[in-house]
Amino acid sequence: MGYYVDVEQNVKIYVEDLNPAGKKAILFLHGWPGNHNLFEYQFDILPGLGFRCIGIDTRGFGKSDKPFDGYDYDTLSDDVRCVVDALGLRNFTLVGHSTGGAIALRYMYRHNGYGVAKLVLVAAAAPSLIKRPNFQYGIDKQVVTDMIKGTYNDRPLMLREFGDKFFFRHTSNAFLDWFFHLGLQAAGWATAAIAQTWINETLFGDLETVCVPTLIIHGTHDEIVPYQLGEIQHRAIRNSILVPLEFSGHGSFYDQKEDFNAILMKFVES
C-alpha cells in the first residue's frame, strides 16, 4: 500500500507500507541514487513471513516530491521523523543502506532514536564517506567531485558507471538496466545535492550516541563505501555486531539476498 506523508509545506514523501498488520515493523531507508525499490528482494519475501516492511523514497528520489533544497542530514532525518509520527511507529527496526545509513544515524542523534528498538546499518556512508585530513579512510574527495560534475554534464553516463561498481556478483544486463532506471527517477539537483552533503557533513558524533542493539552488514568487496568504514562503525557503536559478507559489494541486499534476509530476520526477531 503506497501513500504520501506531508513533511513540510508543499513537500510530500512517498511511503510503501507492506503488511501493515505485521507484528515486527522494519523501516527501510535506501541509498543514493535509488529509491525504496532497491529493497525489492526483501519486500518480496519478508512480508509473507509476518514482517511489516515500510519503504521511504527520500525527498528528491523515486515518487517523493523533489524540492530544490533540504538535502542535508538534519532535514532528511526530520523527514523520517514525520513518517514515523504519521504511521505511529513504535518499537521498530530502522534499516539504512549507504546514504540511508547516514540518515539513520542522524535520526538516532537528532531525534534520540525515537521509536527505534534496533538499528541496522548496511554499507553505511559513515562517519565520513570521503577521506579527510584527520581521517584516512573512505574514498577520495575527487571521486565525489567527479560524480557531481557527471551529474550536471551527463547524468545517465554517471549512473551507468556507478551501477557497474555497485554489485560484486554477476548481474544480468536487464537487472543493471532496472537499477539504472531507478537512478533516473531522481531529480538531477537532488542527486548532486546528496553527493555534496557527503563532502559537507560528517557523523562522528552521531555514531557515539547510538544506544540500541545495532547490526552492521557490509560487503567485503564494496567499492563505493569501503569495508573499513563498517569496522569503524563497529568500534564506535556500543552493543553492535559486524557481519562481513564475503561475496558482496555495495549491494549486499541483492549480491547475497538470501543470506542478507536471513541475517536481518534473525536480528529483528532476537
C-alpha atoms as a PDB file:
ATOM      1  CA  MET A   1       0.000   0.000   0.000  1.00  0.00           C
ATOM      2  CA  GLY A   2       1.534   3.293  -1.067  1.00  0.00           C
ATOM      3  CA  TYR A   3       0.676   6.783   0.104  1.00  0.00           C
ATOM      4  CA  TYR A   4       2.180  10.197   0.785  1.00  0.00           C
ATOM      5  CA  VAL A   5       3.171  11.894   4.040  1.00  0.00           C
ATOM      6  CA  ASP A   6       3.485  15.678   4.363  1.00  0.00           C
ATOM      7  CA  VAL A   7       6.897  16.566   5.802  1.00  0.00           C
ATOM      8  CA  GLU A   8       6.767  20.325   5.241  1.00  0.00           C
ATOM      9  CA  GLN A   9       4.716  22.788   3.241  1.00  0.00           C
ATOM     10  CA  ASN A  10       4.499  21.613  -0.378  1.00  0.00           C
ATOM     11  CA  VAL A  11       6.770  18.597   0.224  1.00  0.00           C
ATOM     12  CA  LYS A  12       5.361  15.075   0.362  1.00  0.00           C
ATOM     13  CA  ILE A  13       7.319  11.876   0.910  1.00  0.00           C
ATOM     14  CA  TYR A  14       6.234   8.628  -0.720  1.00  0.00           C
ATOM     15  CA  VAL A  15       5.854   5.634   1.593  1.00  0.00           C
ATOM     16  CA  GLU A  16       5.294   1.993   0.649  1.00  0.00           C
ATOM     17  CA  ASP A  17       3.782   0.032   3.542  1.00  0.00           C
ATOM     18  CA  LEU A  18       3.584  -3.739   3.089  1.00  0.00           C
ATOM     19  CA  ASN A  19       1.717  -5.967   5.547  1.00  0.00           C
ATOM     20  CA  PRO A  20       0.664  -3.194   7.978  1.00  0.00           C
ATOM     21  CA  ALA A  21      -0.722  -5.888  10.300  1.00  0.00           C
ATOM     22  CA  GLY A  22       2.708  -7.453  10.744  1.00  0.00           C
ATOM     23  CA  LYS A  23       3.907  -7.676  14.340  1.00  0.00           C
ATOM     24  CA  LYS A  24       7.536  -6.695  13.612  1.00  0.00           C
ATOM     25  CA  ALA A  25       7.939  -3.413  11.724  1.00  0.00           C
ATOM     26  CA  ILE A  26      11.059  -2.647   9.659  1.00  0.00           C
ATOM     27  CA  LEU A  27      11.574   0.824   8.198  1.00  0.00           C
ATOM     28  CA  PHE A  28      13.962   0.864   5.218  1.00  0.00           C
ATOM     29  CA  LEU A  29      15.989   3.913   4.126  1.00  0.00           C
ATOM     30  CA  HIS A  30      17.514   3.460   0.683  1.00  0.00           C
ATOM     31  CA  GLY A  31      20.858   4.590  -0.644  1.00  0.00           C
ATOM     32  CA  TRP A  32      21.831   7.028  -3.382  1.00  0.00           C
ATOM     33  CA  PRO A  33      20.715   7.348  -6.164  1.00  0.00           C
ATOM     34  CA  GLY A  34      17.880   4.814  -5.954  1.00  0.00           C
ATOM     35  CA  ASN A  35      14.605   4.626  -4.072  1.00  0.00           C
ATOM     36  CA  HIS A  36      12.696   2.167  -1.898  1.00  0.00           C
ATOM     37  CA  ASN A  37      12.585  -0.339  -4.779  1.00  0.00           C
ATOM     38  CA  LEU A  38      16.240  -1.171  -4.099  1.00  0.00           C
ATOM     39  CA  PHE A  39      14.827  -3.420  -1.360  1.00  0.00           C
ATOM     40  CA  GLU A  40      12.555  -5.296  -3.765  1.00  0.00           C
ATOM     41  CA  TYR A  41      14.113  -8.631  -2.858  1.00  0.00           C
ATOM     42  CA  GLN A  42      13.398  -8.019   0.812  1.00  0.00           C
ATOM     43  CA  PHE A  43       9.850  -6.774   0.183  1.00  0.00           C
ATOM     44  CA  ASP A  44       9.173  -9.868  -1.930  1.00  0.00           C
ATOM     45  CA  ILE A  45       9.888 -12.204   0.997  1.00  0.00           C
ATOM     46  CA  LEU A  46       9.686 -10.600   4.441  1.00  0.00           C
ATOM     47  CA  PRO A  47       6.014  -9.507   4.476  1.00  0.00           C
ATOM     48  CA  GLY A  48       4.991 -13.067   3.675  1.00  0.00           C
ATOM     49  CA  LEU A  49       6.865 -14.190   6.790  1.00  0.00           C
ATOM     50  CA  GLY A  50       4.955 -11.830   9.059  1.00  0.00           C
ATOM     51  CA  PHE A  51       7.080  -8.669   8.941  1.00  0.00           C
ATOM     52  CA  ARG A  52       5.731  -5.212   8.257  1.00  0.00           C
ATOM     53  CA  CYS A  53       8.041  -3.612   5.684  1.00  0.00           C
ATOM     54  CA  ILE A  54       7.967   0.136   5.166  1.00  0.00           C
ATOM     55  CA  GLY A  55       9.994   1.819   2.455  1.00  0.00           C
ATOM     56  CA  ILE A  56      10.537   5.565   2.134  1.00  0.00           C
ATOM     57  CA  ASP A  57      11.571   7.398  -1.015  1.00  0.00           C
ATOM     58  CA  THR A  58      13.984  10.092   0.165  1.00  0.00           C
ATOM     59  CA  ARG A  59      12.963  13.590  -0.933  1.00  0.00           C
ATOM     60  CA  GLY A  60      14.195  14.188  -4.450  1.00  0.00           C
ATOM     61  CA  PHE A  61      14.131  10.477  -5.302  1.00  0.00           C
ATOM     62  CA  GLY A  62      11.606   7.948  -6.548  1.00  0.00           C
ATOM     63  CA  LYS A  63       7.998   9.057  -6.195  1.00  0.00           C
ATOM     64  CA  SER A  64       8.654  11.669  -3.499  1.00  0.00           C
ATOM     65  CA  ASP A  65       8.457  15.387  -4.167  1.00  0.00           C
ATOM     66  CA  LYS A  66      11.628  16.955  -5.463  1.00  0.00           C
ATOM     67  CA  PRO A  67      12.210  20.374  -3.898  1.00  0.00           C
ATOM     68  CA  PHE A  68      15.406  22.220  -4.713  1.00  0.00           C
ATOM     69  CA  ASP A  69      16.672  22.168  -1.136  1.00  0.00           C
ATOM     70  CA  GLY A  70      16.563  20.100   2.052  1.00  0.00           C
ATOM     71  CA  TYR A  71      19.263  17.537   1.244  1.00  0.00           C
ATOM     72  CA  ASP A  72      21.277  17.924   4.444  1.00  0.00           C
ATOM     73  CA  TYR A  73      21.229  15.126   7.004  1.00  0.00           C
ATOM     74  CA  ASP A  74      19.210  17.133   9.542  1.00  0.00           C
ATOM     75  CA  THR A  75      16.340  17.749   7.121  1.00  0.00           C
ATOM     76  CA  LEU A  76      16.438  14.215   5.752  1.00  0.00           C
ATOM     77  CA  SER A  77      16.236  12.768   9.270  1.00  0.00           C
ATOM     78  CA  ASP A  78      13.378  15.156  10.060  1.00  0.00           C
ATOM     79  CA  ASP A  79      11.537  13.717   7.041  1.00  0.00           C
ATOM     80  CA  VAL A  80      11.936  10.254   8.574  1.00  0.00           C
ATOM     81  CA  ARG A  81      10.525  11.510  11.881  1.00  0.00           C
ATOM     82  CA  CYS A  82       7.467  12.850  10.057  1.00  0.00           C
ATOM     83  CA  VAL A  83       6.850   9.402   8.579  1.00  0.00           C
ATOM     84  CA  VAL A  84       7.379   7.712  11.948  1.00  0.00           C
ATOM     85  CA  ASP A  85       4.843  10.061  13.542  1.00  0.00           C
ATOM     86  CA  ALA A  86       2.331   9.757  10.712  1.00  0.00           C
ATOM     87  CA  LEU A  87       2.392   5.955  10.885  1.00  0.00           C
ATOM     88  CA  GLY A  88       2.544   5.869  14.682  1.00  0.00           C
ATOM     89  CA  LEU A  89       5.581   3.595  14.582  1.00  0.00           C
ATOM     90  CA  ARG A  90       6.969   2.296  17.866  1.00  0.00           C
ATOM     91  CA  ASN A  91       9.468  -0.417  18.694  1.00  0.00           C
ATOM     92  CA  PHE A  92      10.552  -0.765  15.066  1.00  0.00           C
ATOM     93  CA  THR A  93      13.818  -1.735  13.374  1.00  0.00           C
ATOM     94  CA  LEU A  94      15.435   1.038  11.348  1.00  0.00           C
ATOM     95  CA  VAL A  95      17.462  -0.156   8.339  1.00  0.00           C
ATOM     96  CA  GLY A  96      19.650   2.270   6.423  1.00  0.00           C
ATOM     97  CA  HIS A  97      21.721   1.470   3.345  1.00  0.00           C
ATOM     98  CA  SER A  98      24.624   3.715   2.273  1.00  0.00           C
ATOM     99  CA  THR A  99      23.344   7.318   2.458  1.00  0.00           C
ATOM    100  CA  GLY A 100      20.242   5.863   4.099  1.00  0.00           C
ATOM    101  CA  GLY A 101      22.572   4.584   6.826  1.00  0.00           C
ATOM    102  CA  ALA A 102      23.921   8.098   7.318  1.00  0.00           C
ATOM    103  CA  ILE A 103      20.358   9.433   7.572  1.00  0.00           C
ATOM    104  CA  ALA A 104      19.519   6.683  10.078  1.00  0.00           C
ATOM    105  CA  LEU A 105      22.475   7.683  12.252  1.00  0.00           C
ATOM    106  CA  ARG A 106      21.463  11.341  12.165  1.00  0.00           C
ATOM    107  CA  TYR A 107      17.921  10.257  13.114  1.00  0.00           C
ATOM    108  CA  MET A 108      19.311   8.400  16.117  1.00  0.00           C
ATOM    109  CA  TYR A 109      21.223  11.521  17.189  1.00  0.00           C
ATOM    110  CA  ARG A 110      18.794  14.295  16.297  1.00  0.00           C
ATOM    111  CA  HIS A 111      15.604  12.501  17.376  1.00  0.00           C
ATOM    112  CA  ASN A 112      17.090  10.433  20.197  1.00  0.00           C
ATOM    113  CA  GLY A 113      16.269   7.255  18.305  1.00  0.00           C
ATOM    114  CA  TYR A 114      12.547   7.935  18.718  1.00  0.00           C
ATOM    115  CA  GLY A 115      10.624   4.674  18.323  1.00  0.00           C
ATOM    116  CA  VAL A 116      13.671   2.649  17.259  1.00  0.00           C
ATOM    117  CA  ALA A 117      14.241  -0.652  19.050  1.00  0.00           C
ATOM    118  CA  LYS A 118      17.049  -1.868  16.785  1.00  0.00           C
ATOM    119  CA  LEU A 119      19.288  -0.345  14.129  1.00  0.00           C
ATOM    120  CA  VAL A 120      20.716  -1.976  11.002  1.00  0.00           C
ATOM    121  CA  LEU A 121      23.466  -0.244   9.028  1.00  0.00           C
ATOM    122  CA  VAL A 122      24.111  -1.677   5.573  1.00  0.00           C
ATOM    123  CA  ALA A 123      27.242  -0.299   3.899  1.00  0.00           C
ATOM    124  CA  ALA A 124      26.508   2.955   5.696  1.00  0.00           C
ATOM    125  CA  ALA A 125      28.248   6.098   4.412  1.00  0.00           C
ATOM    126  CA  ALA A 126      29.536   6.999   7.878  1.00  0.00           C
ATOM    127  CA  PRO A 127      31.232   8.526   9.735  1.00  0.00           C
ATOM    128  CA  SER A 128      32.648  10.138   6.570  1.00  0.00           C
ATOM    129  CA  LEU A 129      32.412   8.788   3.067  1.00  0.00           C
ATOM    130  CA  ILE A 130      35.444  10.779   1.964  1.00  0.00           C
ATOM    131  CA  LYS A 131      38.982  10.925   3.296  1.00  0.00           C
ATOM    132  CA  ARG A 132      39.796  13.997   5.385  1.00  0.00           C
ATOM    133  CA  PRO A 133      42.999  15.412   6.911  1.00  0.00           C
ATOM    134  CA  ASN A 134      42.305  13.592  10.195  1.00  0.00           C
ATOM    135  CA  PHE A 135      40.513  10.600   8.661  1.00  0.00           C
ATOM    136  CA  GLN A 136      42.355   8.480   6.112  1.00  0.00           C
ATOM    137  CA  TYR A 137      39.550   6.070   5.296  1.00  0.00           C
ATOM    138  CA  GLY A 138      36.742   6.250   2.766  1.00  0.00           C
ATOM    139  CA  ILE A 139      37.177   7.385  -0.819  1.00  0.00           C
ATOM    140  CA  ASP A 140      38.996  10.362  -2.294  1.00  0.00           C
ATOM    141  CA  LYS A 141      37.059  13.624  -2.370  1.00  0.00           C
ATOM    142  CA  GLN A 142      37.834  13.906  -6.079  1.00  0.00           C
ATOM    143  CA  VAL A 143      35.731  10.793  -6.759  1.00  0.00           C
ATOM    144  CA  VAL A 144      32.674  12.538  -5.327  1.00  0.00           C
ATOM    145  CA  THR A 145      33.503  15.792  -7.082  1.00  0.00           C
ATOM    146  CA  ASP A 146      33.676  13.922 -10.389  1.00  0.00           C
ATOM    147  CA  MET A 147      30.289  12.308  -9.686  1.00  0.00           C
ATOM    148  CA  ILE A 148      28.765  15.729  -9.076  1.00  0.00           C
ATOM    149  CA  LYS A 149      30.266  17.034 -12.313  1.00  0.00           C
ATOM    150  CA  GLY A 150      28.990  13.951 -14.096  1.00  0.00           C
ATOM    151  CA  THR A 151      25.502  14.566 -12.714  1.00  0.00           C
ATOM    152  CA  TYR A 152      25.427  18.009 -14.268  1.00  0.00           C
ATOM    153  CA  ASN A 153      27.140  17.060 -17.539  1.00  0.00           C
ATOM    154  CA  ASP A 154      25.821  13.560 -18.386  1.00  0.00           C
ATOM    155  CA  ARG A 155      23.782  12.064 -15.566  1.00  0.00           C
ATOM    156  CA  PRO A 156      22.847   8.856 -17.452  1.00  0.00           C
ATOM    157  CA  LEU A 157      26.519   8.091 -18.078  1.00  0.00           C
ATOM    158  CA  MET A 158      27.409   8.811 -14.450  1.00  0.00           C
ATOM    159  CA  LEU A 159      24.620   6.492 -13.279  1.00  0.00           C
ATOM    160  CA  ARG A 160      25.679   3.749 -15.652  1.00  0.00           C
ATOM    161  CA  GLU A 161      29.294   3.895 -14.453  1.00  0.00           C
ATOM    162  CA  PHE A 162      28.152   3.959 -10.830  1.00  0.00           C
ATOM    163  CA  GLY A 163      25.965   0.901 -11.389  1.00  0.00           C
ATOM    164  CA  ASP A 164      28.902  -1.004 -12.861  1.00  0.00           C
ATOM    165  CA  LYS A 165      30.685  -0.755  -9.467  1.00  0.00           C
ATOM    166  CA  PHE A 166      27.663  -1.332  -7.245  1.00  0.00           C
ATOM    167  CA  PHE A 167      27.379  -5.122  -7.218  1.00  0.00           C
ATOM    168  CA  PHE A 168      30.072  -7.761  -6.778  1.00  0.00           C
ATOM    169  CA  ARG A 169      28.360 -10.798  -8.225  1.00  0.00           C
ATOM    170  CA  HIS A 170      27.451 -11.047 -11.877  1.00  0.00           C
ATOM    171  CA  THR A 171      24.091  -9.498 -12.688  1.00  0.00           C
ATOM    172  CA  SER A 172      22.130  -9.642 -15.912  1.00  0.00           C
ATOM    173  CA  ASN A 173      22.089  -6.676 -18.259  1.00  0.00           C
ATOM    174  CA  ALA A 174      18.364  -6.476 -17.655  1.00  0.00           C
ATOM    175  CA  PHE A 175      18.947  -6.129 -13.909  1.00  0.00           C
ATOM    176  CA  LEU A 176      21.526  -3.387 -14.423  1.00  0.00           C
ATOM    177  CA  ASP A 177      19.056  -1.592 -16.682  1.00  0.00           C
ATOM    178  CA  TRP A 178      16.459  -1.778 -13.887  1.00  0.00           C
ATOM    179  CA  PHE A 179      18.956  -0.367 -11.395  1.00  0.00           C
ATOM    180  CA  PHE A 180      19.888   2.382 -13.867  1.00  0.00           C
ATOM    181  CA  HIS A 181      16.260   3.450 -14.285  1.00  0.00           C
ATOM    182  CA  LEU A 182      15.800   3.701 -10.515  1.00  0.00           C
ATOM    183  CA  GLY A 183      18.525   6.348 -10.535  1.00  0.00           C
ATOM    184  CA  LEU A 184      16.908   8.192 -13.428  1.00  0.00           C
ATOM    185  CA  GLN A 185      13.721   8.607 -11.360  1.00  0.00           C
ATOM    186  CA  ALA A 186      15.593  11.022  -9.086  1.00  0.00           C
ATOM    187  CA  ALA A 187      15.961  14.733  -9.803  1.00  0.00           C
ATOM    188  CA  GLY A 188      19.376  15.761 -11.065  1.00  0.00           C
ATOM    189  CA  TRP A 189      19.627  18.546  -8.495  1.00  0.00           C
ATOM    190  CA  ALA A 190      18.810  16.110  -5.669  1.00  0.00           C
ATOM    191  CA  THR A 191      21.370  13.627  -6.976  1.00  0.00           C
ATOM    192  CA  ALA A 192      24.072  16.294  -6.917  1.00  0.00           C
ATOM    193  CA  ALA A 193      22.974  17.803  -3.599  1.00  0.00           C
ATOM    194  CA  ILE A 194      23.195  14.497  -1.714  1.00  0.00           C
ATOM    195  CA  ALA A 195      26.692  13.938  -3.102  1.00  0.00           C
ATOM    196  CA  GLN A 196      27.643  17.419  -1.906  1.00  0.00           C
ATOM    197  CA  THR A 197      26.364  16.500   1.559  1.00  0.00           C
ATOM    198  CA  TRP A 198      28.922  13.664   1.645  1.00  0.00           C
ATOM    199  CA  ILE A 199      31.569  16.366   1.360  1.00  0.00           C
ATOM    200  CA  ASN A 200      29.956  18.912   3.684  1.00  0.00           C
ATOM    201  CA  GLU A 201      28.951  16.722   6.636  1.00  0.00           C
ATOM    202  CA  THR A 202      30.321  14.018   8.934  1.00  0.00           C
ATOM    203  CA  LEU A 203      28.700  11.736  11.517  1.00  0.00           C
ATOM    204  CA  PHE A 204      31.459  11.056  14.044  1.00  0.00           C
ATOM    205  CA  GLY A 205      29.406  12.318  16.982  1.00  0.00           C
ATOM    206  CA  ASP A 206      26.243  10.608  15.764  1.00  0.00           C
ATOM    207  CA  LEU A 207      27.846   7.153  15.999  1.00  0.00           C
ATOM    208  CA  GLU A 208      28.628   7.588  19.675  1.00  0.00           C
ATOM    209  CA  THR A 209      25.003   8.355  20.575  1.00  0.00           C
ATOM    210  CA  VAL A 210      23.569   5.043  19.332  1.00  0.00           C
ATOM    211  CA  CYS A 211      22.347   3.058  22.326  1.00  0.00           C
ATOM    212  CA  VAL A 212      20.164   0.348  20.765  1.00  0.00           C
ATOM    213  CA  PRO A 213      21.332  -3.062  19.526  1.00  0.00           C
ATOM    214  CA  THR A 214      22.925  -2.485  16.144  1.00  0.00           C
ATOM    215  CA  LEU A 215      23.658  -4.851  13.266  1.00  0.00           C
ATOM    216  CA  ILE A 216      26.282  -3.749  10.737  1.00  0.00           C
ATOM    217  CA  ILE A 217      26.222  -5.587   7.400  1.00  0.00           C
ATOM    218  CA  HIS A 218      28.998  -4.755   4.963  1.00  0.00           C
ATOM    219  CA  GLY A 219      30.248  -6.392   1.791  1.00  0.00           C
ATOM    220  CA  THR A 220      33.983  -7.002   1.864  1.00  0.00           C
ATOM    221  CA  HIS A 221      34.246  -6.108  -1.841  1.00  0.00           C
ATOM    222  CA  ASP A 222      32.426  -2.778  -1.530  1.00  0.00           C
ATOM    223  CA  GLU A 223      33.931  -0.262  -3.965  1.00  0.00           C
ATOM    224  CA  ILE A 224      31.518   2.534  -3.037  1.00  0.00           C
ATOM    225  CA  VAL A 225      31.749   2.539   0.772  1.00  0.00           C
ATOM    226  CA  PRO A 226      34.940   0.694   1.757  1.00  0.00           C
ATOM    227  CA  TYR A 227      34.581  -2.163   4.243  1.00  0.00           C
ATOM    228  CA  GLN A 228      36.894  -0.378   6.712  1.00  0.00           C
ATOM    229  CA  LEU A 229      34.088   2.086   7.428  1.00  0.00           C
ATOM    230  CA  GLY A 230      31.972  -0.782   8.729  1.00  0.00           C
ATOM    231  CA  GLU A 231      34.786  -1.737  11.089  1.00  0.00           C
ATOM    232  CA  ILE A 232      34.994   1.853  12.348  1.00  0.00           C
ATOM    233  CA  GLN A 233      31.238   1.911  12.951  1.00  0.00           C
ATOM    234  CA  HIS A 234      31.514  -1.334  14.901  1.00  0.00           C
ATOM    235  CA  ARG A 235      34.218   0.107  17.172  1.00  0.00           C
ATOM    236  CA  ALA A 236      32.259   3.300  17.771  1.00  0.00           C
ATOM    237  CA  ILE A 237      28.803   1.844  18.445  1.00  0.00           C
ATOM    238  CA  ARG A 238      28.271   0.030  21.718  1.00  0.00           C
ATOM    239  CA  ASN A 239      26.372  -3.239  21.534  1.00  0.00           C
ATOM    240  CA  SER A 240      26.975  -3.617  17.797  1.00  0.00           C
ATOM    241  CA  ILE A 241      27.566  -6.695  15.663  1.00  0.00           C
ATOM    242  CA  LEU A 242      29.555  -6.582  12.421  1.00  0.00           C
ATOM    243  CA  VAL A 243      28.695  -9.188   9.799  1.00  0.00           C
ATOM    244  CA  PRO A 244      31.026  -9.168   6.769  1.00  0.00           C
ATOM    245  CA  LEU A 245      29.544 -10.612   3.601  1.00  0.00           C
ATOM    246  CA  GLU A 246      32.380 -12.129   1.603  1.00  0.00           C
ATOM    247  CA  PHE A 247      30.605 -12.335  -1.749  1.00  0.00           C
ATOM    248  CA  SER A 248      29.096  -8.859  -1.725  1.00  0.00           C
ATOM    249  CA  GLY A 249      29.909  -5.408  -2.979  1.00  0.00           C
ATOM    250  CA  HIS A 250      27.853  -2.328  -2.133  1.00  0.00           C
ATOM    251  CA  GLY A 251      24.539  -4.035  -2.840  1.00  0.00           C
ATOM    252  CA  SER A 252      24.615  -6.941  -0.399  1.00  0.00           C
ATOM    253  CA  PHE A 253      20.813  -6.931  -0.264  1.00  0.00           C
ATOM    254  CA  TYR A 254      20.994  -8.376  -3.782  1.00  0.00           C
ATOM    255  CA  ASP A 255      24.518  -9.857  -4.038  1.00  0.00           C
ATOM    256  CA  GLN A 256      23.679 -12.252  -1.186  1.00  0.00           C
ATOM    257  CA  LYS A 257      19.968 -11.669  -0.843  1.00  0.00           C
ATOM    258  CA  GLU A 258      19.150 -14.998   0.806  1.00  0.00           C
ATOM    259  CA  ASP A 259      21.924 -14.557   3.395  1.00  0.00           C
ATOM    260  CA  PHE A 260      21.005 -10.906   3.859  1.00  0.00           C
ATOM    261  CA  ASN A 261      17.347 -11.678   4.501  1.00  0.00           C
ATOM    262  CA  ALA A 262      18.147 -14.476   6.925  1.00  0.00           C
ATOM    263  CA  ILE A 263      20.609 -12.320   8.892  1.00  0.00           C
ATOM    264  CA  LEU A 264      18.179  -9.410   9.033  1.00  0.00           C
ATOM    265  CA  MET A 265      15.223 -11.530  10.156  1.00  0.00           C
ATOM    266  CA  LYS A 266      17.240 -13.282  12.841  1.00  0.00           C
ATOM    267  CA  PHE A 267      18.392  -9.930  14.229  1.00  0.00           C
ATOM    268  CA  VAL A 268      14.895  -8.413  14.206  1.00  0.00           C
ATOM    269  CA  GLU A 269      13.466 -11.437  15.997  1.00  0.00           C
ATOM    270  CA  SER A 270      16.270 -11.757  18.572  1.00  0.00           C
END
